[in-house]
Protein backbone atom coordinates (compact mmCIF):
# COMPACT_ATOMS: atom_id res chain seq x y z
CA UNK A 1 87.27 129.63 130.41
CA UNK A 2 84.79 130.78 127.74
CA UNK A 3 81.29 129.39 128.17
CA UNK A 4 80.30 127.12 125.27
CA UNK A 5 77.24 127.68 123.08
CA UNK A 6 75.10 124.55 123.34
CA UNK A 7 73.97 123.35 119.90
CA UNK A 8 71.15 121.01 118.95
CA UNK A 9 71.73 119.35 115.58
CA UNK A 10 68.57 118.50 113.61
CA UNK A 11 69.42 116.02 110.85
CA UNK A 12 72.61 113.93 111.05
CA UNK A 13 72.88 112.68 107.44
CA UNK A 14 75.59 113.34 104.85
CA UNK A 15 75.52 117.14 104.77
CA UNK A 16 75.48 117.30 108.57
CA UNK A 17 79.02 115.97 108.72
CA UNK A 18 80.51 119.17 107.30
CA UNK A 19 78.48 121.17 109.81
CA UNK A 20 79.71 119.00 112.68
CA UNK A 21 83.30 119.56 111.56
CA UNK A 22 82.73 123.29 111.08
CA UNK A 23 81.13 123.69 114.49
CA UNK A 24 83.94 121.76 116.16
CA UNK A 25 86.61 123.82 114.38
CA UNK A 26 85.25 127.10 115.76
CA UNK A 27 85.69 126.00 119.36
CA UNK A 28 82.82 128.17 120.59
CA UNK A 29 80.25 125.42 120.18
CA UNK A 30 79.36 122.24 122.01
CA UNK A 31 76.95 119.80 120.34
CA UNK A 32 74.76 118.68 123.23
CA UNK A 33 71.73 117.17 121.46
CA UNK A 34 70.93 115.60 118.10
CA UNK A 35 67.78 114.70 116.21
CA UNK A 36 67.03 112.53 113.18
CA UNK A 37 64.09 110.50 111.87
CA UNK A 38 66.50 107.63 111.07
CA UNK A 39 67.14 105.94 114.41
CA UNK A 40 70.13 103.96 113.10
CA UNK A 41 71.92 107.12 111.93
CA UNK A 42 70.93 108.88 115.15
CA UNK A 43 72.57 106.21 117.33
CA UNK A 44 75.67 106.03 115.13
CA UNK A 45 76.33 109.77 115.24
CA UNK A 46 75.32 109.94 118.90
CA UNK A 47 77.96 107.35 119.75
CA UNK A 48 80.62 109.16 117.69
CA UNK A 49 79.86 112.50 119.36
CA UNK A 50 79.36 110.99 122.82
CA UNK A 51 75.81 112.33 123.03
CA UNK A 52 73.81 110.85 125.90
CA UNK A 53 70.85 108.72 124.79
CA UNK A 54 68.42 111.06 126.57
CA UNK A 55 69.72 113.86 124.36
CA UNK A 56 68.99 111.97 121.14
CA UNK A 57 65.59 112.79 119.62
CA UNK A 58 63.37 111.56 116.82
CA UNK A 59 61.05 114.60 117.10
CA UNK A 60 62.71 117.99 116.55
CA UNK A 61 60.08 119.65 118.73
CA UNK A 62 61.23 117.69 121.76
CA UNK A 63 64.82 118.75 121.16
CA UNK A 64 63.82 122.42 120.90
CA UNK A 65 61.63 122.09 124.02
CA UNK A 66 64.34 120.32 126.01
CA UNK A 67 66.01 123.51 127.33
CA UNK A 68 69.31 121.71 126.75
CA UNK A 69 70.44 123.86 123.82
CA UNK A 70 71.00 127.55 123.11
CA UNK A 71 70.55 127.29 119.32
CA UNK A 72 69.86 124.71 116.63
CA UNK A 73 71.51 123.84 113.33
CA UNK A 74 69.03 122.26 110.92
CA UNK A 75 70.30 120.13 108.01
CA UNK A 76 67.20 118.41 106.66
CA UNK A 77 65.35 117.82 103.39
CA UNK A 78 63.44 120.84 102.09
CA UNK A 79 59.95 119.70 103.11
CA UNK A 80 60.69 120.14 106.81
CA UNK A 81 62.56 123.46 106.61
CA UNK A 82 59.38 125.48 107.21
CA UNK A 83 57.98 123.37 110.11
CA UNK A 84 61.31 123.54 111.95
CA UNK A 85 61.65 127.29 111.34
CA UNK A 86 58.06 127.89 112.41
CA UNK A 87 58.60 126.03 115.66
CA UNK A 88 61.83 127.93 116.31
CA UNK A 89 59.94 131.20 115.81
CA UNK A 90 57.23 130.03 118.21
CA UNK A 91 59.83 129.06 120.83
CA UNK A 92 62.21 131.97 120.15
CA UNK A 93 65.04 129.56 119.31
CA UNK A 94 68.00 130.85 117.24
CA UNK A 95 68.71 128.74 114.17
CA UNK A 96 71.09 128.09 111.31
CA UNK A 97 68.85 126.54 108.66
CA UNK A 98 69.75 125.00 105.31
CA UNK A 99 68.69 126.59 102.05
CA UNK A 100 66.30 127.00 100.35
CA UNK A 101 64.32 128.71 103.10
CA UNK A 102 61.19 126.63 102.42
CA UNK A 103 59.73 124.06 100.05
CA UNK A 104 58.08 126.78 97.94
CA UNK A 105 57.18 130.45 97.93
CA UNK A 106 53.73 129.95 99.45
CA UNK A 107 55.34 128.39 102.52
CA UNK A 108 57.85 131.24 102.63
CA UNK A 109 55.13 133.92 102.61
CA UNK A 110 53.24 132.23 105.43
CA UNK A 111 56.42 131.86 107.44
CA UNK A 112 57.34 135.49 106.84
CA UNK A 113 54.08 136.62 108.47
CA UNK A 114 54.96 134.67 111.62
CA UNK A 115 58.53 135.96 111.54
CA UNK A 116 57.31 139.58 111.37
CA UNK A 117 55.31 139.02 114.55
CA UNK A 118 58.26 137.45 116.39
CA UNK A 119 61.66 137.77 114.70
CA UNK A 120 64.38 135.39 115.84
CA UNK A 121 68.11 135.13 115.24
CA UNK A 122 68.17 133.24 111.95
CA UNK A 123 70.98 132.38 109.55
CA UNK A 124 70.29 130.71 106.18
CA UNK A 125 73.04 128.37 104.99
CA UNK A 126 74.20 130.09 101.82
CA UNK A 127 77.63 128.63 102.40
CA UNK A 128 79.35 130.00 99.28
CA UNK A 129 79.33 133.48 100.80
CA UNK A 130 82.16 132.02 102.88
CA UNK A 131 84.27 130.68 100.01
CA UNK A 132 87.51 132.69 100.29
CA UNK A 133 87.69 133.50 96.55
CA UNK A 134 84.11 134.80 96.45
CA UNK A 135 84.63 136.89 99.59
CA UNK A 136 87.70 138.42 97.94
CA UNK A 137 85.68 139.11 94.78
CA UNK A 138 83.17 141.00 96.92
CA UNK A 139 85.98 143.08 98.45
CA UNK A 140 87.46 143.85 95.01
CA UNK A 141 84.07 144.94 93.63
CA UNK A 142 83.47 147.14 96.65
CA UNK A 143 86.80 148.85 95.89
CA UNK A 144 85.81 149.38 92.24
CA UNK A 145 88.72 147.24 91.02
CA UNK A 146 87.21 146.64 87.56
CA UNK A 147 85.20 149.83 87.31
CA UNK A 148 81.52 149.94 86.45
CA UNK A 149 80.05 146.42 86.32
CA UNK A 150 78.12 145.75 83.11
CA UNK A 151 77.37 142.04 83.13
CA UNK A 152 78.27 138.74 84.74
CA UNK A 153 77.82 135.00 84.33
CA UNK A 154 77.38 132.36 87.02
CA UNK A 155 77.24 128.61 86.56
CA UNK A 156 77.05 125.79 89.07
CA UNK A 157 77.72 122.35 87.61
CA UNK A 158 77.75 118.90 89.20
CA UNK A 159 77.96 115.52 87.52
CA UNK A 160 76.63 112.99 90.02
CA UNK A 161 73.16 112.91 88.44
CA UNK A 162 74.40 111.92 84.97
CA UNK A 163 73.18 108.55 83.68
CA UNK A 164 76.57 106.75 83.62
CA UNK A 165 76.78 107.09 87.42
CA UNK A 166 73.58 105.05 87.92
CA UNK A 167 72.46 107.36 90.71
CA UNK A 168 69.31 105.88 92.29
CA UNK A 169 66.07 107.67 93.06
CA UNK A 170 66.96 109.59 96.23
CA UNK A 171 65.00 112.33 98.02
CA UNK A 172 66.53 115.08 95.87
CA UNK A 173 64.54 113.69 92.92
CA UNK A 174 61.23 113.61 94.83
CA UNK A 175 59.19 116.81 94.18
CA UNK A 176 57.13 116.27 97.34
CA UNK A 177 60.30 116.41 99.45
CA UNK A 178 62.47 118.88 97.55
CA UNK A 179 59.97 121.17 95.75
CA UNK A 180 62.23 121.71 92.74
CA UNK A 181 65.25 119.79 91.54
CA UNK A 182 68.49 121.45 90.58
CA UNK A 183 66.88 124.90 90.85
CA UNK A 184 66.40 124.85 94.62
CA UNK A 185 69.48 122.72 95.25
CA UNK A 186 72.15 124.51 93.21
CA UNK A 187 70.25 127.40 91.64
CA UNK A 188 69.48 128.93 95.02
CA UNK A 189 73.23 129.27 95.60
CA UNK A 190 73.66 131.04 92.24
CA UNK A 191 70.82 133.44 93.08
CA UNK A 192 72.34 134.15 96.46
CA UNK A 193 75.79 134.78 94.98
CA UNK A 194 74.33 137.34 92.57
CA UNK A 195 72.39 138.96 95.43
CA UNK A 196 75.53 139.01 97.61
CA UNK A 197 77.70 140.58 94.90
CA UNK A 198 75.27 142.82 92.99
CA UNK A 199 72.14 143.44 95.07
CA UNK A 200 68.46 142.79 94.39
CA UNK A 201 66.96 141.14 91.32
CA UNK A 202 64.53 143.06 89.11
CA UNK A 203 63.59 140.66 86.29
CA UNK A 204 64.24 137.08 85.22
CA UNK A 205 63.63 135.08 82.06
CA UNK A 206 64.11 131.34 82.53
CA UNK A 207 64.01 127.83 81.11
CA UNK A 208 63.78 124.65 83.18
CA UNK A 209 64.18 121.18 81.68
CA UNK A 210 63.80 117.60 82.88
CA UNK A 211 65.96 115.26 80.82
CA UNK A 212 66.13 112.16 83.04
CA UNK A 213 62.63 111.01 83.95
CA UNK A 214 63.20 107.64 85.61
CA UNK A 215 65.71 106.07 87.97
CA UNK A 216 66.06 102.84 89.91
CA UNK A 217 64.85 102.79 93.49
CA UNK A 218 67.57 102.65 96.16
CA UNK A 219 66.51 99.35 97.69
CA UNK A 220 65.37 97.46 94.58
CA UNK A 221 65.65 97.16 90.80
CA UNK A 222 62.25 98.79 90.39
CA UNK A 223 62.23 101.90 88.19
CA UNK A 224 60.62 105.07 89.48
CA UNK A 225 59.20 107.58 87.00
CA UNK A 226 59.28 111.24 88.00
CA UNK A 227 59.51 114.74 86.57
CA UNK A 228 61.80 117.27 88.20
CA UNK A 229 64.14 119.87 86.75
CA UNK A 230 67.72 118.73 86.19
CA UNK A 231 68.80 121.69 84.04
CA UNK A 232 67.99 125.37 84.55
CA UNK A 233 69.19 128.45 82.71
CA UNK A 234 68.02 132.02 83.11
CA UNK A 235 68.87 135.62 82.44
CA UNK A 236 68.41 138.34 85.01
CA UNK A 237 68.46 142.09 85.30
CA UNK A 238 69.43 143.44 88.69
CA UNK A 239 67.92 146.58 90.20
CA UNK A 240 71.31 148.25 89.63
CA UNK A 241 70.95 147.67 85.87
CA UNK A 242 73.63 144.95 85.77
CA UNK A 243 72.60 141.92 83.71
CA UNK A 244 73.61 138.31 84.22
CA UNK A 245 73.33 134.81 82.78
CA UNK A 246 73.01 131.63 84.86
CA UNK A 247 73.05 127.89 84.23
CA UNK A 248 73.04 124.85 86.48
CA UNK A 249 72.75 121.08 86.16
CA UNK A 250 73.67 117.86 87.93
CA UNK A 251 74.29 116.08 84.60
CA UNK A 252 77.64 117.70 83.75
CA UNK A 253 79.95 114.70 83.44
CA UNK A 254 83.40 115.59 84.75
CA UNK A 255 82.17 118.32 87.08
CA UNK A 256 82.46 117.58 90.77
CA UNK A 257 81.35 120.75 92.49
CA UNK A 258 82.09 123.46 89.95
CA UNK A 259 80.78 126.91 90.87
CA UNK A 260 82.09 129.61 88.51
CA UNK A 261 81.63 133.37 88.64
CA UNK A 262 82.80 135.74 85.89
CA UNK A 263 82.29 139.51 86.16
CA UNK A 264 82.84 142.06 83.40
CA UNK A 265 83.48 145.72 84.14
CA UNK A 266 84.53 148.67 82.01
CA UNK A 267 88.08 148.44 83.42
CA UNK A 268 88.59 144.70 83.62
CA UNK A 269 87.31 141.17 84.28
CA UNK A 270 87.25 138.94 87.35
CA UNK A 271 87.04 135.13 87.34
CA UNK A 272 86.66 132.99 90.48
CA UNK A 273 85.52 129.43 91.20
CA UNK A 274 85.32 126.72 93.82
CA UNK A 275 88.03 124.67 92.12
CA UNK A 276 90.62 127.26 93.21
CA UNK A 277 89.16 128.61 96.44
CA UNK A 278 92.20 130.73 97.31
CA UNK A 279 92.78 132.33 93.88
CA UNK A 280 91.00 135.14 92.00
CA UNK A 281 91.93 135.90 88.38
CA UNK A 282 91.99 139.58 87.46
CA UNK A 283 92.29 140.67 83.82
CA UNK A 284 92.89 144.33 83.12
CA UNK A 285 94.85 146.84 81.05
CA UNK A 286 98.30 147.51 82.43
CA UNK A 287 98.72 151.21 83.27
CA UNK A 288 102.26 151.29 81.94
CA UNK A 289 102.05 149.27 78.72
CA UNK A 290 98.31 149.54 77.97
CA UNK A 291 98.40 145.79 77.28
CA UNK A 292 95.89 143.29 78.62
CA UNK A 293 97.40 141.32 81.48
CA UNK A 294 96.09 138.51 83.66
CA UNK A 295 97.00 138.39 87.31
CA UNK A 296 96.43 135.51 89.72
CA UNK A 297 95.64 137.09 93.06
CA UNK A 298 95.94 135.07 96.26
CA UNK A 299 93.12 135.65 98.69
CA UNK A 300 94.34 137.67 101.70
CA UNK A 301 93.70 136.19 105.13
CA UNK A 302 91.84 139.33 106.12
CA UNK A 303 88.73 138.26 104.16
CA UNK A 304 88.57 134.72 105.54
CA UNK A 305 85.49 133.91 107.60
CA UNK A 306 83.75 130.57 108.08
CA UNK A 307 79.99 130.08 108.08
CA UNK A 308 80.12 128.82 111.67
CA UNK A 309 82.25 131.72 112.89
CA UNK A 310 79.62 134.06 111.48
CA UNK A 311 76.90 131.97 113.16
CA UNK A 312 78.71 132.36 116.49
CA UNK A 313 78.92 136.12 115.96
CA UNK A 314 75.18 136.24 115.26
CA UNK A 315 74.45 134.45 118.53
CA UNK A 316 76.60 137.04 120.32
CA UNK A 317 74.57 139.86 118.73
CA UNK A 318 77.26 140.88 116.24
CA UNK A 319 75.77 140.71 112.75
CA UNK A 320 78.08 142.06 110.06
CA UNK A 321 77.43 143.15 106.49
CA UNK A 322 76.72 140.38 104.00
CA UNK A 323 75.10 138.18 106.63
CA UNK A 324 72.54 135.71 105.14
CA UNK A 325 69.55 136.29 107.41
CA UNK A 326 65.87 135.37 107.16
CA UNK A 327 65.16 138.24 104.76
CA UNK A 328 67.91 137.01 102.42
CA UNK A 329 66.31 133.57 102.43
CA UNK A 330 62.89 135.06 101.71
CA UNK A 331 64.20 137.14 98.78
CA UNK A 332 65.90 134.04 97.41
CA UNK A 333 62.65 132.09 97.55
CA UNK A 334 60.93 134.95 95.75
CA UNK A 335 63.42 134.77 92.86
CA UNK A 336 63.09 130.97 92.71
CA UNK A 337 59.35 131.43 92.27
CA UNK A 338 59.87 134.04 89.55
CA UNK A 339 62.11 131.58 87.67
CA UNK A 340 59.45 128.86 87.89
CA UNK A 341 56.77 131.26 86.64
CA UNK A 342 58.98 132.45 83.79
CA UNK A 343 59.76 128.90 82.69
CA UNK A 344 56.04 128.12 82.65
CA UNK A 345 55.38 131.21 80.50
CA UNK A 346 58.01 131.11 77.72
CA UNK A 347 58.93 134.48 76.33
CA UNK A 348 57.61 136.45 79.29
CA UNK A 349 59.99 138.40 81.52
CA UNK A 350 58.85 137.99 85.14
CA UNK A 351 59.31 140.73 87.71
CA UNK A 352 61.45 139.02 90.36
CA UNK A 353 59.96 141.16 93.11
CA UNK A 354 56.28 140.60 92.49
CA UNK A 355 54.52 138.91 95.38
């Protein structure tokens, strides 16, 4: 019988549920300890997962120190990403951490210095690298299916923040907890997708806007005023010379979780999105008729890989190409900072690699 990898889960809120399901589906993992600052949620999830009370923690440090787990999966608000990562580095504890890597770039730089001194096995949760359609797009580009890539567009739209939904003031709207708004939440995924498909960024030119500046508190009718970005658009030039356009918002009424990628080459076009995870649209000139044709391509099973399967491989020392490691998270944070700087200096193109 294969020995299980003992997992400590830090954060048991909404997003943690997909991680719990993903970990359980792999079969390699066993969730042996959990941690959350909300004692009610901690007990509820602990009961559902049959976690002993002595393996339920309020303080993530005690979980990491417990010697009861082989690795941790951290699904927390952005303001505690860095402290948890720092402690894992100190204790040499492997981790799957949520994106963005840290609250801001200053935190990321400080963390990087510690990581250089003592690297650990670290995976950053850029989950869309594991969307079947996007993995197939990567394979098609690697084969040169649409020739030389010239430009691309990426958009990530959600609607839950739009005014008609009466969404209250939750932590994602609190700059002290989240750093940025839609930029770090959804924009970091767009940046990572471009990095995954096309390589490093060279320059960005951006605009960030805050349209909704007050919301009702969750537990009362009191209105909370705040300023955080809820729309971001930017242009980018990659080191390869490919150029791209990006936009993201949580105010797109009618959009659930709409992540679209369109890529334009000198021999054709590729479209893929999260609404059809197993389909990639290829548009090209037919060799026989010289007419433009559109082909719906079903994603082959050979490219399927889940985030948690890749995490298990990392823990076994088998890190494949396209793996979102600490360095990927650091580069992402660097581009996020360049976008912020560019938005604050209209008309100026910011070098995405300046430190």
